[in-house]
Amino acid sequence: VFADMIVDQFDEMVRQSSAQPLVMNVSIHPYVLGQPFRLNRLRRALTHCIGSAHDQRVWWTRPGAIADYCYGLGPGIIPGSA
């Protein structure tokens, strides 16, 4: 189930993020998740992620904010930016 994959991906990426920063996205297409009967499972998966004990390690944001942050980093930090 897609919602289970969201939870598993989030939990594993939080574990791996102690070694390096990671970015997780959740792509939702209306054809797949636009059906009302699927919303409850998506809601539970996102509630798991948002309500996790890792609040201080997770930055909830949008792609534009990530790009702005990366543009502000010094040259060479992001591969190809030197």
PDB file of N, CA and C in Angstrom:
ATOM      1  N   VAL A   1       0.856  -1.180   0.000  1.00  0.00           N
ATOM      2  CA  VAL A   1       0.000   0.000   0.000  1.00  0.00           C
ATOM      3  C   VAL A   1       0.899   1.240   0.000  1.00  0.00           C
ATOM      4  N   PHE A   2       0.506   2.209  -0.804  1.00  0.00           N
ATOM      5  CA  PHE A   2       1.297   3.428  -0.964  1.00  0.00           C
ATOM      6  C   PHE A   2       1.524   4.137   0.367  1.00  0.00           C
ATOM      7  N   ALA A   3       0.509   4.195   1.217  1.00  0.00           N
ATOM      8  CA  ALA A   3       0.648   4.879   2.510  1.00  0.00           C
ATOM      9  C   ALA A   3       1.705   4.189   3.378  1.00  0.00           C
ATOM     10  N   ASP A   4       1.767   2.885   3.333  1.00  0.00           N
ATOM     11  CA  ASP A   4       2.794   2.155   4.093  1.00  0.00           C
ATOM     12  C   ASP A   4       4.186   2.475   3.559  1.00  0.00           C
ATOM     13  N   MET A   5       4.295   2.641   2.257  1.00  0.00           N
ATOM     14  CA  MET A   5       5.587   2.990   1.668  1.00  0.00           C
ATOM     15  C   MET A   5       6.029   4.378   2.127  1.00  0.00           C
ATOM     16  N   ILE A   6       5.097   5.309   2.266  1.00  0.00           N
ATOM     17  CA  ILE A   6       5.432   6.649   2.757  1.00  0.00           C
ATOM     18  C   ILE A   6       6.017   6.543   4.164  1.00  0.00           C
ATOM     19  N   VAL A   7       5.345   5.802   5.032  1.00  0.00           N
ATOM     20  CA  VAL A   7       5.797   5.639   6.420  1.00  0.00           C
ATOM     21  C   VAL A   7       7.164   4.960   6.459  1.00  0.00           C
ATOM     22  N   ASP A   8       7.332   3.879   5.721  1.00  0.00           N
ATOM     23  CA  ASP A   8       8.608   3.158   5.716  1.00  0.00           C
ATOM     24  C   ASP A   8       9.738   4.030   5.164  1.00  0.00           C
ATOM     25  N   GLN A   9       9.457   4.750   4.091  1.00  0.00           N
ATOM     26  CA  GLN A   9      10.460   5.644   3.497  1.00  0.00           C
ATOM     27  C   GLN A   9      10.863   6.724   4.491  1.00  0.00           C
ATOM     28  N   PHE A  10       9.894   7.345   5.130  1.00  0.00           N
ATOM     29  CA  PHE A  10      10.171   8.406   6.092  1.00  0.00           C
ATOM     30  C   PHE A  10      11.026   7.880   7.245  1.00  0.00           C
ATOM     31  N   ASP A  11      10.604   6.775   7.850  1.00  0.00           N
ATOM     32  CA  ASP A  11      11.325   6.238   9.003  1.00  0.00           C
ATOM     33  C   ASP A  11      12.760   5.872   8.639  1.00  0.00           C
ATOM     34  N   GLU A  12      12.958   5.260   7.472  1.00  0.00           N
ATOM     35  CA  GLU A  12      14.308   4.878   7.052  1.00  0.00           C
ATOM     36  C   GLU A  12      15.155   6.102   6.739  1.00  0.00           C
ATOM     37  N   MET A  13      14.577   7.095   6.104  1.00  0.00           N
ATOM     38  CA  MET A  13      15.345   8.291   5.775  1.00  0.00           C
ATOM     39  C   MET A  13      15.722   9.077   7.028  1.00  0.00           C
ATOM     40  N   VAL A  14      14.873   9.088   8.025  1.00  0.00           N
ATOM     41  CA  VAL A  14      15.234   9.735   9.294  1.00  0.00           C
ATOM     42  C   VAL A  14      16.441   9.016   9.898  1.00  0.00           C
ATOM     43  N   ARG A  15      16.435   7.680   9.868  1.00  0.00           N
ATOM     44  CA  ARG A  15      17.586   6.920  10.385  1.00  0.00           C
ATOM     45  C   ARG A  15      18.858   7.267   9.606  1.00  0.00           C
ATOM     46  N   GLN A  16      18.761   7.317   8.288  1.00  0.00           N
ATOM     47  CA  GLN A  16      19.939   7.576   7.460  1.00  0.00           C
ATOM     48  C   GLN A  16      20.397   9.033   7.517  1.00  0.00           C
ATOM     49  N   SER A  17      19.516   9.925   7.891  1.00  0.00           N
ATOM     50  CA  SER A  17      19.858  11.348   7.884  1.00  0.00           C
ATOM     51  C   SER A  17      20.859  11.724   8.965  1.00  0.00           C
ATOM     52  N   SER A  18      21.161  10.817   9.883  1.00  0.00           N
ATOM     53  CA  SER A  18      22.191  11.127  10.877  1.00  0.00           C
ATOM     54  C   SER A  18      23.564  11.211  10.218  1.00  0.00           C
ATOM     55  N   ALA A  19      23.731  10.582   9.064  1.00  0.00           N
ATOM     56  CA  ALA A  19      25.013  10.598   8.354  1.00  0.00           C
ATOM     57  C   ALA A  19      25.107  11.729   7.336  1.00  0.00           C
ATOM     58  N   GLN A  20      23.965  12.129   6.785  1.00  0.00           N
ATOM     59  CA  GLN A  20      23.972  13.181   5.755  1.00  0.00           C
ATOM     60  C   GLN A  20      22.561  13.727   5.600  1.00  0.00           C
ATOM     61  N   PRO A  21      22.440  14.960   5.135  1.00  0.00           N
ATOM     62  CA  PRO A  21      21.097  15.498   4.910  1.00  0.00           C
ATOM     63  C   PRO A  21      20.420  14.801   3.735  1.00  0.00           C
ATOM     64  N   LEU A  22      19.142  14.571   3.850  1.00  0.00           N
ATOM     65  CA  LEU A  22      18.365  13.916   2.808  1.00  0.00           C
ATOM     66  C   LEU A  22      17.094  14.710   2.533  1.00  0.00           C
ATOM     67  N   VAL A  23      16.560  14.538   1.349  1.00  0.00           N
ATOM     68  CA  VAL A  23      15.300  15.186   0.966  1.00  0.00           C
ATOM     69  C   VAL A  23      14.321  14.104   0.554  1.00  0.00           C
ATOM     70  N   MET A  24      13.152  14.127   1.155  1.00  0.00           N
ATOM     71  CA  MET A  24      12.093  13.183   0.785  1.00  0.00           C
ATOM     72  C   MET A  24      10.917  13.972   0.235  1.00  0.00           C
ATOM     73  N   ASN A  25      10.407  13.510  -0.859  1.00  0.00           N
ATOM     74  CA  ASN A  25       9.203  14.122  -1.398  1.00  0.00           C
ATOM     75  C   ASN A  25       8.107  13.061  -1.488  1.00  0.00           C
ATOM     76  N   VAL A  26       6.887  13.503  -1.474  1.00  0.00           N
ATOM     77  CA  VAL A  26       5.746  12.613  -1.668  1.00  0.00           C
ATOM     78  C   VAL A  26       4.986  13.149  -2.878  1.00  0.00           C
ATOM     79  N   SER A  27       5.066  12.429  -3.972  1.00  0.00           N
ATOM     80  CA  SER A  27       4.366  12.830  -5.190  1.00  0.00           C
ATOM     81  C   SER A  27       2.977  12.208  -5.184  1.00  0.00           C
ATOM     82  N   ILE A  28       1.993  13.039  -5.288  1.00  0.00           N
ATOM     83  CA  ILE A  28       0.606  12.567  -5.236  1.00  0.00           C
ATOM     84  C   ILE A  28      -0.080  12.935  -6.543  1.00  0.00           C
ATOM     85  N   HIS A  29      -0.460  11.937  -7.289  1.00  0.00           N
ATOM     86  CA  HIS A  29      -1.170  12.167  -8.538  1.00  0.00           C
ATOM     87  C   HIS A  29      -2.659  11.944  -8.301  1.00  0.00           C
ATOM     88  N   PRO A  30      -3.511  12.821  -8.796  1.00  0.00           N
ATOM     89  CA  PRO A  30      -4.947  12.688  -8.552  1.00  0.00           C
ATOM     90  C   PRO A  30      -5.534  11.370  -9.050  1.00  0.00           C
ATOM     91  N   TYR A  31      -4.935  10.795 -10.087  1.00  0.00           N
ATOM     92  CA  TYR A  31      -5.458   9.517 -10.589  1.00  0.00           C
ATOM     93  C   TYR A  31      -5.274   8.407  -9.555  1.00  0.00           C
ATOM     94  N   VAL A  32      -4.156   8.477  -8.817  1.00  0.00           N
ATOM     95  CA  VAL A  32      -3.858   7.444  -7.831  1.00  0.00           C
ATOM     96  C   VAL A  32      -4.509   7.746  -6.485  1.00  0.00           C
ATOM     97  N   LEU A  33      -4.335   8.959  -6.001  1.00  0.00           N
ATOM     98  CA  LEU A  33      -4.827   9.280  -4.660  1.00  0.00           C
ATOM     99  C   LEU A  33      -6.016  10.231  -4.662  1.00  0.00           C
ATOM    100  N   GLY A  34      -6.568  10.489  -5.792  1.00  0.00           N
ATOM    101  CA  GLY A  34      -7.703  11.393  -5.865  1.00  0.00           C
ATOM    102  C   GLY A  34      -9.035  10.743  -5.524  1.00  0.00           C
ATOM    103  N   GLN A  35      -8.998   9.484  -5.179  1.00  0.00           N
ATOM    104  CA  GLN A  35     -10.217   8.773  -4.825  1.00  0.00           C
ATOM    105  C   GLN A  35     -10.465   8.926  -3.325  1.00  0.00           C
ATOM    106  N   PRO A  36     -11.671   9.303  -2.927  1.00  0.00           N
ATOM    107  CA  PRO A  36     -11.948   9.542  -1.509  1.00  0.00           C
ATOM    108  C   PRO A  36     -11.597   8.375  -0.594  1.00  0.00           C
ATOM    109  N   PHE A  37     -11.775   7.150  -1.044  1.00  0.00           N
ATOM    110  CA  PHE A  37     -11.499   6.011  -0.168  1.00  0.00           C
ATOM    111  C   PHE A  37     -10.015   5.858   0.146  1.00  0.00           C
ATOM    112  N   ARG A  38      -9.159   6.508  -0.624  1.00  0.00           N
ATOM    113  CA  ARG A  38      -7.716   6.425  -0.382  1.00  0.00           C
ATOM    114  C   ARG A  38      -7.213   7.518   0.551  1.00  0.00           C
ATOM    115  N   LEU A  39      -7.994   8.534   0.783  1.00  0.00           N
ATOM    116  CA  LEU A  39      -7.525   9.668   1.576  1.00  0.00           C
ATOM    117  C   LEU A  39      -7.255   9.320   3.032  1.00  0.00           C
ATOM    118  N   ASN A  40      -8.031   8.438   3.616  1.00  0.00           N
ATOM    119  CA  ASN A  40      -7.837   8.099   5.021  1.00  0.00           C
ATOM    120  C   ASN A  40      -6.457   7.497   5.266  1.00  0.00           C
ATOM    121  N   ARG A  41      -6.029   6.609   4.379  1.00  0.00           N
ATOM    122  CA  ARG A  41      -4.697   5.998   4.537  1.00  0.00           C
ATOM    123  C   ARG A  41      -3.588   7.030   4.337  1.00  0.00           C
ATOM    124  N   LEU A  42      -3.751   7.916   3.352  1.00  0.00           N
ATOM    125  CA  LEU A  42      -2.765   8.980   3.152  1.00  0.00           C
ATOM    126  C   LEU A  42      -2.711   9.876   4.379  1.00  0.00           C
ATOM    127  N   ARG A  43      -3.853  10.225   4.901  1.00  0.00           N
ATOM    128  CA  ARG A  43      -3.924  11.072   6.093  1.00  0.00           C
ATOM    129  C   ARG A  43      -3.186  10.407   7.259  1.00  0.00           C
ATOM    130  N   ARG A  44      -3.385   9.100   7.452  1.00  0.00           N
ATOM    131  CA  ARG A  44      -2.700   8.384   8.538  1.00  0.00           C
ATOM    132  C   ARG A  44      -1.186   8.366   8.326  1.00  0.00           C
ATOM    133  N   ALA A  45      -0.758   8.166   7.090  1.00  0.00           N
ATOM    134  CA  ALA A  45       0.684   8.146   6.811  1.00  0.00           C
ATOM    135  C   ALA A  45       1.312   9.504   7.102  1.00  0.00           C
ATOM    136  N   LEU A  46       0.683  10.563   6.652  1.00  0.00           N
ATOM    137  CA  LEU A  46       1.231  11.899   6.896  1.00  0.00           C
ATOM    138  C   LEU A  46       1.177  12.269   8.369  1.00  0.00           C
ATOM    139  N   THR A  47       0.141  11.825   9.059  1.00  0.00           N
ATOM    140  CA  THR A  47       0.045  12.060  10.505  1.00  0.00           C
ATOM    141  C   THR A  47       1.192  11.351  11.227  1.00  0.00           C
ATOM    142  N   HIS A  48       1.526  10.144  10.781  1.00  0.00           N
ATOM    143  CA  HIS A  48       2.665   9.418  11.357  1.00  0.00           C
ATOM    144  C   HIS A  48       3.949  10.232  11.185  1.00  0.00           C
ATOM    145  N   CYS A  49       4.160  10.737   9.983  1.00  0.00           N
ATOM    146  CA  CYS A  49       5.388  11.483   9.701  1.00  0.00           C
ATOM    147  C   CYS A  49       5.439  12.796  10.478  1.00  0.00           C
ATOM    148  N   ILE A  50       4.366  13.528  10.465  1.00  0.00           N
ATOM    149  CA  ILE A  50       4.338  14.828  11.144  1.00  0.00           C
ATOM    150  C   ILE A  50       4.397  14.659  12.651  1.00  0.00           C
ATOM    151  N   GLY A  51       3.759  13.631  13.175  1.00  0.00           N
ATOM    152  CA  GLY A  51       3.712  13.423  14.611  1.00  0.00           C
ATOM    153  C   GLY A  51       4.839  12.570  15.145  1.00  0.00           C
ATOM    154  N   SER A  52       5.868  12.362  14.337  1.00  0.00           N
ATOM    155  CA  SER A  52       6.963  11.494  14.778  1.00  0.00           C
ATOM    156  C   SER A  52       7.782  12.179  15.864  1.00  0.00           C
ATOM    157  N   ALA A  53       8.602  11.397  16.504  1.00  0.00           N
ATOM    158  CA  ALA A  53       9.461  11.911  17.573  1.00  0.00           C
ATOM    159  C   ALA A  53      10.678  12.638  17.018  1.00  0.00           C
ATOM    160  N   HIS A  54      10.739  12.819  15.725  1.00  0.00           N
ATOM    161  CA  HIS A  54      11.913  13.409  15.077  1.00  0.00           C
ATOM    162  C   HIS A  54      11.688  14.859  14.676  1.00  0.00           C
ATOM    163  N   ASP A  55      10.781  15.543  15.334  1.00  0.00           N
ATOM    164  CA  ASP A  55      10.420  16.903  14.946  1.00  0.00           C
ATOM    165  C   ASP A  55      11.619  17.833  14.803  1.00  0.00           C
ATOM    166  N   GLN A  56      12.628  17.670  15.654  1.00  0.00           N
ATOM    167  CA  GLN A  56      13.766  18.583  15.604  1.00  0.00           C
ATOM    168  C   GLN A  56      14.736  18.241  14.478  1.00  0.00           C
ATOM    169  N   ARG A  57      14.579  17.069  13.885  1.00  0.00           N
ATOM    170  CA  ARG A  57      15.470  16.660  12.799  1.00  0.00           C
ATOM    171  C   ARG A  57      14.826  16.803  11.428  1.00  0.00           C
ATOM    172  N   VAL A  58      13.541  17.118  11.367  1.00  0.00           N
ATOM    173  CA  VAL A  58      12.822  17.173  10.097  1.00  0.00           C
ATOM    174  C   VAL A  58      12.414  18.612   9.809  1.00  0.00           C
ATOM    175  N   TRP A  59      12.697  19.036   8.599  1.00  0.00           N
ATOM    176  CA  TRP A  59      12.314  20.378   8.158  1.00  0.00           C
ATOM    177  C   TRP A  59      11.174  20.211   7.164  1.00  0.00           C
ATOM    178  N   TRP A  60       9.980  20.601   7.569  1.00  0.00           N
ATOM    179  CA  TRP A  60       8.805  20.528   6.694  1.00  0.00           C
ATOM    180  C   TRP A  60       8.767  21.801   5.869  1.00  0.00           C
ATOM    181  N   THR A  61       8.911  21.645   4.566  1.00  0.00           N
ATOM    182  CA  THR A  61       9.000  22.828   3.712  1.00  0.00           C
ATOM    183  C   THR A  61       8.545  22.495   2.304  1.00  0.00           C
ATOM    184  N   ARG A  62       8.755  23.442   1.431  1.00  0.00           N
ATOM    185  CA  ARG A  62       8.384  23.295   0.022  1.00  0.00           C
ATOM    186  C   ARG A  62       9.635  23.355  -0.842  1.00  0.00           C
ATOM    187  N   PRO A  63       9.542  22.898  -2.084  1.00  0.00           N
ATOM    188  CA  PRO A  63      10.731  22.851  -2.946  1.00  0.00           C
ATOM    189  C   PRO A  63      11.434  24.198  -3.103  1.00  0.00           C
ATOM    190  N   GLY A  64      10.684  25.279  -3.201  1.00  0.00           N
ATOM    191  CA  GLY A  64      11.305  26.596  -3.369  1.00  0.00           C
ATOM    192  C   GLY A  64      12.186  26.977  -2.196  1.00  0.00           C
ATOM    193  N   ALA A  65      11.781  26.634  -0.994  1.00  0.00           N
ATOM    194  CA  ALA A  65      12.583  26.935   0.195  1.00  0.00           C
ATOM    195  C   ALA A  65      13.859  26.102   0.217  1.00  0.00           C
ATOM    196  N   ILE A  66      13.781  24.874  -0.260  1.00  0.00           N
ATOM    197  CA  ILE A  66      14.979  24.035  -0.347  1.00  0.00           C
ATOM    198  C   ILE A  66      15.953  24.635  -1.355  1.00  0.00           C
ATOM    199  N   ALA A  67      15.433  25.051  -2.501  1.00  0.00           N
ATOM    200  CA  ALA A  67      16.284  25.673  -3.517  1.00  0.00           C
ATOM    201  C   ALA A  67      16.933  26.945  -2.979  1.00  0.00           C
ATOM    202  N   ASP A  68      16.163  27.784  -2.299  1.00  0.00           N
ATOM    203  CA  ASP A  68      16.725  29.014  -1.727  1.00  0.00           C
ATOM    204  C   ASP A  68      17.842  28.707  -0.741  1.00  0.00           C
ATOM    205  N   TYR A  69      17.636  27.696   0.083  1.00  0.00           N
ATOM    206  CA  TYR A  69      18.668  27.297   1.048  1.00  0.00           C
ATOM    207  C   TYR A  69      19.929  26.838   0.316  1.00  0.00           C
ATOM    208  N   CYS A  70      19.768  26.012  -0.708  1.00  0.00           N
ATOM    209  CA  CYS A  70      20.915  25.492  -1.450  1.00  0.00           C
ATOM    210  C   CYS A  70      21.663  26.597  -2.186  1.00  0.00           C
ATOM    211  N   TYR A  71      20.933  27.561  -2.732  1.00  0.00           N
ATOM    212  CA  TYR A  71      21.591  28.685  -3.411  1.00  0.00           C
ATOM    213  C   TYR A  71      22.425  29.501  -2.437  1.00  0.00           C
ATOM    214  N   GLY A  72      22.068  29.497  -1.169  1.00  0.00           N
ATOM    215  CA  GLY A  72      22.801  30.257  -0.165  1.00  0.00           C
ATOM    216  C   GLY A  72      24.030  29.536   0.370  1.00  0.00           C
ATOM    217  N   LEU A  73      24.234  28.293   0.018  1.00  0.00           N
ATOM    218  CA  LEU A  73      25.399  27.549   0.469  1.00  0.00           C
ATOM    219  C   LEU A  73      26.634  27.969  -0.326  1.00  0.00           C
ATOM    220  N   GLY A  74      27.781  27.797   0.278  1.00  0.00           N
ATOM    221  CA  GLY A  74      29.015  28.160  -0.398  1.00  0.00           C
ATOM    222  C   GLY A  74      29.335  27.256  -1.568  1.00  0.00           C
ATOM    223  N   PRO A  75      30.177  27.721  -2.484  1.00  0.00           N
ATOM    224  CA  PRO A  75      30.553  26.914  -3.650  1.00  0.00           C
ATOM    225  C   PRO A  75      31.247  25.625  -3.221  1.00  0.00           C
ATOM    226  N   GLY A  76      30.919  24.543  -3.926  1.00  0.00           N
ATOM    227  CA  GLY A  76      31.537  23.255  -3.690  1.00  0.00           C
ATOM    228  C   GLY A  76      30.802  22.365  -2.703  1.00  0.00           C
ATOM    229  N   ILE A  77      29.837  22.918  -1.966  1.00  0.00           N
ATOM    230  CA  ILE A  77      29.085  22.093  -1.024  1.00  0.00           C
ATOM    231  C   ILE A  77      28.141  21.162  -1.773  1.00  0.00           C
ATOM    232  N   ILE A  78      27.470  21.699  -2.766  1.00  0.00           N
ATOM    233  CA  ILE A  78      26.594  20.905  -3.610  1.00  0.00           C
ATOM    234  C   ILE A  78      27.414  20.488  -4.831  1.00  0.00           C
ATOM    235  N   PRO A  79      27.456  19.209  -5.159  1.00  0.00           N
ATOM    236  CA  PRO A  79      28.241  18.765  -6.307  1.00  0.00           C
ATOM    237  C   PRO A  79      27.915  19.569  -7.570  1.00  0.00           C
ATOM    238  N   GLY A  80      28.966  20.011  -8.239  1.00  0.00           N
ATOM    239  CA  GLY A  80      28.810  20.775  -9.471  1.00  0.00           C
ATOM    240  C   GLY A  80      28.698  22.272  -9.249  1.00  0.00           C
ATOM    241  N   SER A  81      28.746  22.722  -7.991  1.00  0.00           N
ATOM    242  CA  SER A  81      28.587  24.164  -7.741  1.00  0.00           C
ATOM    243  C   SER A  81      29.909  24.890  -7.574  1.00  0.00           C
ATOM    244  N   ALA A  82      31.000  24.172  -7.709  1.00  0.00           N
ATOM    245  CA  ALA A  82      32.326  24.801  -7.516  1.00  0.00           C
ATOM    246  C   ALA A  82      32.703  25.656  -8.691  1.00  0.00           C
TER     247      ALA A  82
END
